[in-house]
Amino acid sequence: MKERLLKLLCVKSILTLMLTVVFCILSIRGIISGEQFLTIFTVVTSFYFGTQIERGGKENNDGK
């Protein structure tokens, strides 16, 4: 559990969470449209989870 929390606090995770919060606020205030928010959020989360999966695959291959 402690290790997962430390991984969550890496720079990439913090940046992803901050971007999500900022774009949620901008969308709620009407500064950006819902469509723009969805596009930006999809790109950010896809990149984040894509790199997490890639990193996990490299760790599994190293152990073989």
PDB file of N, CA and C in Angstrom:
ATOM      1  N   MET A   1       0.832  -1.193   0.000  1.00  0.00           N
ATOM      2  CA  MET A   1       0.000   0.000   0.000  1.00  0.00           C
ATOM      3  C   MET A   1       0.879   1.260   0.000  1.00  0.00           C
ATOM      4  N   LYS A   2       1.910   1.279   0.832  1.00  0.00           N
ATOM      5  CA  LYS A   2       2.790   2.433   0.916  1.00  0.00           C
ATOM      6  C   LYS A   2       3.518   2.656  -0.410  1.00  0.00           C
ATOM      7  N   GLU A   3       3.923   1.559  -1.041  1.00  0.00           N
ATOM      8  CA  GLU A   3       4.617   1.654  -2.330  1.00  0.00           C
ATOM      9  C   GLU A   3       3.705   2.230  -3.405  1.00  0.00           C
ATOM     10  N   ARG A   4       2.446   1.845  -3.404  1.00  0.00           N
ATOM     11  CA  ARG A   4       1.488   2.383  -4.381  1.00  0.00           C
ATOM     12  C   ARG A   4       1.272   3.877  -4.164  1.00  0.00           C
ATOM     13  N   LEU A   5       1.244   4.295  -2.916  1.00  0.00           N
ATOM     14  CA  LEU A   5       1.074   5.716  -2.614  1.00  0.00           C
ATOM     15  C   LEU A   5       2.278   6.514  -3.098  1.00  0.00           C
ATOM     16  N   LEU A   6       3.473   5.977  -2.915  1.00  0.00           N
ATOM     17  CA  LEU A   6       4.674   6.656  -3.390  1.00  0.00           C
ATOM     18  C   LEU A   6       4.691   6.755  -4.912  1.00  0.00           C
ATOM     19  N   LYS A   7       4.227   5.708  -5.597  1.00  0.00           N
ATOM     20  CA  LYS A   7       4.160   5.748  -7.054  1.00  0.00           C
ATOM     21  C   LYS A   7       3.149   6.784  -7.523  1.00  0.00           C
ATOM     22  N   LEU A   8       2.070   6.934  -6.767  1.00  0.00           N
ATOM     23  CA  LEU A   8       1.049   7.919  -7.118  1.00  0.00           C
ATOM     24  C   LEU A   8       1.601   9.336  -7.040  1.00  0.00           C
ATOM     25  N   LEU A   9       2.562   9.546  -6.190  1.00  0.00           N
ATOM     26  CA  LEU A   9       3.103  10.879  -5.984  1.00  0.00           C
ATOM     27  C   LEU A   9       4.251  11.232  -6.922  1.00  0.00           C
ATOM     28  N   CYS A  10       4.494  10.421  -7.920  1.00  0.00           N
ATOM     29  CA  CYS A  10       5.546  10.771  -8.872  1.00  0.00           C
ATOM     30  C   CYS A  10       5.098  11.984  -9.696  1.00  0.00           C
ATOM     31  N   VAL A  11       6.024  12.623 -10.327  1.00  0.00           N
ATOM     32  CA  VAL A  11       5.765  13.880 -11.035  1.00  0.00           C
ATOM     33  C   VAL A  11       4.686  13.709 -12.096  1.00  0.00           C
ATOM     34  N   LYS A  12       4.752  12.628 -12.837  1.00  0.00           N
ATOM     35  CA  LYS A  12       3.788  12.402 -13.910  1.00  0.00           C
ATOM     36  C   LYS A  12       2.363  12.280 -13.354  1.00  0.00           C
ATOM     37  N   SER A  13       2.222  11.602 -12.237  1.00  0.00           N
ATOM     38  CA  SER A  13       0.906  11.443 -11.612  1.00  0.00           C
ATOM     39  C   SER A  13       0.382  12.776 -11.097  1.00  0.00           C
ATOM     40  N   ILE A  14       1.248  13.534 -10.457  1.00  0.00           N
ATOM     41  CA  ILE A  14       0.836  14.845  -9.937  1.00  0.00           C
ATOM     42  C   ILE A  14       0.407  15.760 -11.075  1.00  0.00           C
ATOM     43  N   LEU A  15       1.180  15.761 -12.139  1.00  0.00           N
ATOM     44  CA  LEU A  15       0.841  16.587 -13.295  1.00  0.00           C
ATOM     45  C   LEU A  15      -0.500  16.175 -13.896  1.00  0.00           C
ATOM     46  N   THR A  16      -0.726  14.883 -14.028  1.00  0.00           N
ATOM     47  CA  THR A  16      -1.990  14.389 -14.577  1.00  0.00           C
ATOM     48  C   THR A  16      -3.163  14.808 -13.703  1.00  0.00           C
ATOM     49  N   LEU A  17      -3.031  14.662 -12.401  1.00  0.00           N
ATOM     50  CA  LEU A  17      -4.114  15.051 -11.487  1.00  0.00           C
ATOM     51  C   LEU A  17      -4.364  16.556 -11.520  1.00  0.00           C
ATOM     52  N   MET A  18      -3.287  17.342 -11.563  1.00  0.00           N
ATOM     53  CA  MET A  18      -3.440  18.802 -11.624  1.00  0.00           C
ATOM     54  C   MET A  18      -4.124  19.232 -12.915  1.00  0.00           C
ATOM     55  N   LEU A  19      -3.716  18.656 -14.036  1.00  0.00           N
ATOM     56  CA  LEU A  19      -4.352  18.993 -15.312  1.00  0.00           C
ATOM     57  C   LEU A  19      -5.831  18.637 -15.295  1.00  0.00           C
ATOM     58  N   THR A  20      -6.157  17.504 -14.723  1.00  0.00           N
ATOM     59  CA  THR A  20      -7.560  17.091 -14.636  1.00  0.00           C
ATOM     60  C   THR A  20      -8.366  18.093 -13.838  1.00  0.00           C
ATOM     61  N   VAL A  21      -7.858  18.512 -12.686  1.00  0.00           N
ATOM     62  CA  VAL A  21      -8.571  19.467 -11.843  1.00  0.00           C
ATOM     63  C   VAL A  21      -8.725  20.810 -12.557  1.00  0.00           C
ATOM     64  N   VAL A  22      -7.638  21.295 -13.161  1.00  0.00           N
ATOM     65  CA  VAL A  22      -7.683  22.584 -13.854  1.00  0.00           C
ATOM     66  C   VAL A  22      -8.698  22.569 -14.986  1.00  0.00           C
ATOM     67  N   PHE A  23      -8.677  21.540 -15.808  1.00  0.00           N
ATOM     68  CA  PHE A  23      -9.612  21.504 -16.927  1.00  0.00           C
ATOM     69  C   PHE A  23     -11.048  21.265 -16.470  1.00  0.00           C
ATOM     70  N   CYS A  24     -11.252  20.588 -15.347  1.00  0.00           N
ATOM     71  CA  CYS A  24     -12.599  20.473 -14.786  1.00  0.00           C
ATOM     72  C   CYS A  24     -13.120  21.847 -14.380  1.00  0.00           C
ATOM     73  N   ILE A  25     -12.281  22.616 -13.716  1.00  0.00           N
ATOM     74  CA  ILE A  25     -12.672  23.961 -13.281  1.00  0.00           C
ATOM     75  C   ILE A  25     -12.966  24.854 -14.489  1.00  0.00           C
ATOM     76  N   LEU A  26     -12.086  24.801 -15.499  1.00  0.00           N
ATOM     77  CA  LEU A  26     -12.307  25.618 -16.693  1.00  0.00           C
ATOM     78  C   LEU A  26     -13.613  25.235 -17.394  1.00  0.00           C
ATOM     79  N   SER A  27     -13.911  23.963 -17.416  1.00  0.00           N
ATOM     80  CA  SER A  27     -15.147  23.505 -18.052  1.00  0.00           C
ATOM     81  C   SER A  27     -16.375  23.948 -17.258  1.00  0.00           C
ATOM     82  N   ILE A  28     -16.312  23.828 -15.936  1.00  0.00           N
ATOM     83  CA  ILE A  28     -17.438  24.233 -15.090  1.00  0.00           C
ATOM     84  C   ILE A  28     -17.705  25.730 -15.207  1.00  0.00           C
ATOM     85  N   ARG A  29     -16.646  26.517 -15.283  1.00  0.00           N
ATOM     86  CA  ARG A  29     -16.788  27.978 -15.408  1.00  0.00           C
ATOM     87  C   ARG A  29     -17.206  28.411 -16.811  1.00  0.00           C
ATOM     88  N   GLY A  30     -17.179  27.512 -17.760  1.00  0.00           N
ATOM     89  CA  GLY A  30     -17.591  27.837 -19.116  1.00  0.00           C
ATOM     90  C   GLY A  30     -16.490  28.445 -19.968  1.00  0.00           C
ATOM     91  N   ILE A  31     -15.263  28.401 -19.485  1.00  0.00           N
ATOM     92  CA  ILE A  31     -14.143  28.962 -20.237  1.00  0.00           C
ATOM     93  C   ILE A  31     -13.802  28.067 -21.428  1.00  0.00           C
ATOM     94  N   ILE A  32     -13.906  26.765 -21.220  1.00  0.00           N
ATOM     95  CA  ILE A  32     -13.758  25.827 -22.339  1.00  0.00           C
ATOM     96  C   ILE A  32     -15.033  25.002 -22.427  1.00  0.00           C
ATOM     97  N   SER A  33     -15.314  24.499 -23.602  1.00  0.00           N
ATOM     98  CA  SER A  33     -16.542  23.717 -23.783  1.00  0.00           C
ATOM     99  C   SER A  33     -16.336  22.292 -23.282  1.00  0.00           C
ATOM    100  N   GLY A  34     -17.423  21.602 -23.115  1.00  0.00           N
ATOM    101  CA  GLY A  34     -17.369  20.202 -22.705  1.00  0.00           C
ATOM    102  C   GLY A  34     -16.621  19.355 -23.718  1.00  0.00           C
ATOM    103  N   GLU A  35     -16.765  19.686 -24.993  1.00  0.00           N
ATOM    104  CA  GLU A  35     -16.076  18.939 -26.050  1.00  0.00           C
ATOM    105  C   GLU A  35     -14.564  19.133 -25.957  1.00  0.00           C
ATOM    106  N   GLN A  36     -14.137  20.369 -25.709  1.00  0.00           N
ATOM    107  CA  GLN A  36     -12.706  20.646 -25.545  1.00  0.00           C
ATOM    108  C   GLN A  36     -12.158  19.928 -24.319  1.00  0.00           C
ATOM    109  N   PHE A  37     -12.923  19.948 -23.233  1.00  0.00           N
ATOM    110  CA  PHE A  37     -12.502  19.256 -22.016  1.00  0.00           C
ATOM    111  C   PHE A  37     -12.332  17.771 -22.285  1.00  0.00           C
ATOM    112  N   LEU A  38     -13.296  17.174 -22.948  1.00  0.00           N
ATOM    113  CA  LEU A  38     -13.231  15.743 -23.225  1.00  0.00           C
ATOM    114  C   LEU A  38     -12.011  15.402 -24.074  1.00  0.00           C
ATOM    115  N   THR A  39     -11.715  16.214 -25.074  1.00  0.00           N
ATOM    116  CA  THR A  39     -10.551  15.980 -25.927  1.00  0.00           C
ATOM    117  C   THR A  39      -9.256  16.049 -25.119  1.00  0.00           C
ATOM    118  N   ILE A  40      -9.102  17.102 -24.346  1.00  0.00           N
ATOM    119  CA  ILE A  40      -7.884  17.289 -23.556  1.00  0.00           C
ATOM    120  C   ILE A  40      -7.749  16.185 -22.512  1.00  0.00           C
ATOM    121  N   PHE A  41      -8.828  15.892 -21.805  1.00  0.00           N
ATOM    122  CA  PHE A  41      -8.797  14.882 -20.757  1.00  0.00           C
ATOM    123  C   PHE A  41      -8.465  13.504 -21.335  1.00  0.00           C
ATOM    124  N   THR A  42      -9.010  13.186 -22.488  1.00  0.00           N
ATOM    125  CA  THR A  42      -8.732  11.901 -23.127  1.00  0.00           C
ATOM    126  C   THR A  42      -7.257  11.778 -23.497  1.00  0.00           C
ATOM    127  N   VAL A  43      -6.692  12.821 -24.048  1.00  0.00           N
ATOM    128  CA  VAL A  43      -5.266  12.795 -24.420  1.00  0.00           C
ATOM    129  C   VAL A  43      -4.387  12.635 -23.180  1.00  0.00           C
ATOM    130  N   VAL A  44      -4.665  13.404 -22.152  1.00  0.00           N
ATOM    131  CA  VAL A  44      -3.839  13.351 -20.942  1.00  0.00           C
ATOM    132  C   VAL A  44      -3.922  11.982 -20.281  1.00  0.00           C
ATOM    133  N   THR A  45      -5.118  11.477 -20.069  1.00  0.00           N
ATOM    134  CA  THR A  45      -5.262  10.186 -19.397  1.00  0.00           C
ATOM    135  C   THR A  45      -4.751   9.038 -20.261  1.00  0.00           C
ATOM    136  N   SER A  46      -4.936   9.122 -21.567  1.00  0.00           N
ATOM    137  CA  SER A  46      -4.410   8.074 -22.448  1.00  0.00           C
ATOM    138  C   SER A  46      -2.897   8.023 -22.377  1.00  0.00           C
ATOM    139  N   PHE A  47      -2.258   9.174 -22.388  1.00  0.00           N
ATOM    140  CA  PHE A  47      -0.804   9.215 -22.279  1.00  0.00           C
ATOM    141  C   PHE A  47      -0.358   8.654 -20.934  1.00  0.00           C
ATOM    142  N   TYR A  48      -1.023   9.072 -19.866  1.00  0.00           N
ATOM    143  CA  TYR A  48      -0.637   8.623 -18.527  1.00  0.00           C
ATOM    144  C   TYR A  48      -0.759   7.105 -18.399  1.00  0.00           C
ATOM    145  N   PHE A  49      -1.930   6.568 -18.744  1.00  0.00           N
ATOM    146  CA  PHE A  49      -2.126   5.130 -18.595  1.00  0.00           C
ATOM    147  C   PHE A  49      -1.312   4.340 -19.610  1.00  0.00           C
ATOM    148  N   GLY A  50      -1.083   4.903 -20.780  1.00  0.00           N
ATOM    149  CA  GLY A  50      -0.250   4.230 -21.775  1.00  0.00           C
ATOM    150  C   GLY A  50       1.174   4.063 -21.299  1.00  0.00           C
ATOM    151  N   THR A  51       1.709   5.098 -20.662  1.00  0.00           N
ATOM    152  CA  THR A  51       3.075   4.992 -20.152  1.00  0.00           C
ATOM    153  C   THR A  51       3.141   4.076 -18.942  1.00  0.00           C
ATOM    154  N   GLN A  52       2.078   4.016 -18.159  1.00  0.00           N
ATOM    155  CA  GLN A  52       2.050   3.105 -17.011  1.00  0.00           C
ATOM    156  C   GLN A  52       2.050   1.656 -17.484  1.00  0.00           C
ATOM    157  N   ILE A  53       1.272   1.363 -18.514  1.00  0.00           N
ATOM    158  CA  ILE A  53       1.212  -0.001 -19.055  1.00  0.00           C
ATOM    159  C   ILE A  53       2.545  -0.371 -19.684  1.00  0.00           C
ATOM    160  N   GLU A  54       3.140   0.570 -20.420  1.00  0.00           N
ATOM    161  CA  GLU A  54       4.434   0.312 -21.057  1.00  0.00           C
ATOM    162  C   GLU A  54       5.497   0.027 -20.000  1.00  0.00           C
ATOM    163  N   ARG A  55       5.513   0.795 -18.948  1.00  0.00           N
ATOM    164  CA  ARG A  55       6.486   0.596 -17.877  1.00  0.00           C
ATOM    165  C   ARG A  55       6.281  -0.771 -17.225  1.00  0.00           C
ATOM    166  N   GLY A  56       5.035  -1.161 -17.013  1.00  0.00           N
ATOM    167  CA  GLY A  56       4.729  -2.463 -16.426  1.00  0.00           C
ATOM    168  C   GLY A  56       5.201  -3.605 -17.311  1.00  0.00           C
ATOM    169  N   GLY A  57       5.079  -3.458 -18.627  1.00  0.00           N
ATOM    170  CA  GLY A  57       5.538  -4.477 -19.563  1.00  0.00           C
ATOM    171  C   GLY A  57       7.038  -4.624 -19.541  1.00  0.00           C
ATOM    172  N   LYS A  58       7.757  -3.510 -19.423  1.00  0.00           N
ATOM    173  CA  LYS A  58       9.222  -3.555 -19.360  1.00  0.00           C
ATOM    174  C   LYS A  58       9.682  -4.232 -18.084  1.00  0.00           C
ATOM    175  N   GLU A  59       8.990  -3.978 -16.962  1.00  0.00           N
ATOM    176  CA  GLU A  59       9.360  -4.596 -15.689  1.00  0.00           C
ATOM    177  C   GLU A  59       9.149  -6.091 -15.752  1.00  0.00           C
ATOM    178  N   ASN A  60       8.076  -6.535 -16.403  1.00  0.00           N
ATOM    179  CA  ASN A  60       7.804  -7.974 -16.519  1.00  0.00           C
ATOM    180  C   ASN A  60       8.832  -8.664 -17.404  1.00  0.00           C
ATOM    181  N   ASN A  61       9.275  -7.988 -18.470  1.00  0.00           N
ATOM    182  CA  ASN A  61      10.250  -8.577 -19.360  1.00  0.00           C
ATOM    183  C   ASN A  61      11.634  -8.657 -18.726  1.00  0.00           C
ATOM    184  N   ASP A  62      11.964  -7.721 -17.855  1.00  0.00           N
ATOM    185  CA  ASP A  62      13.258  -7.725 -17.184  1.00  0.00           C
ATOM    186  C   ASP A  62      13.405  -8.917 -16.251  1.00  0.00           C
ATOM    187  N   GLY A  63      12.300  -9.364 -15.685  1.00  0.00           N
ATOM    188  CA  GLY A  63      12.345 -10.463 -14.731  1.00  0.00           C
ATOM    189  C   GLY A  63      12.490 -11.827 -15.383  1.00  0.00           C
ATOM    190  N   LYS A  64      12.348 -11.915 -16.685  1.00  0.00           N
ATOM    191  CA  LYS A  64      12.406 -13.211 -17.375  1.00  0.00           C
ATOM    192  C   LYS A  64      13.811 -13.632 -17.623  1.00  0.00           C
TER     193      LYS A  64
END
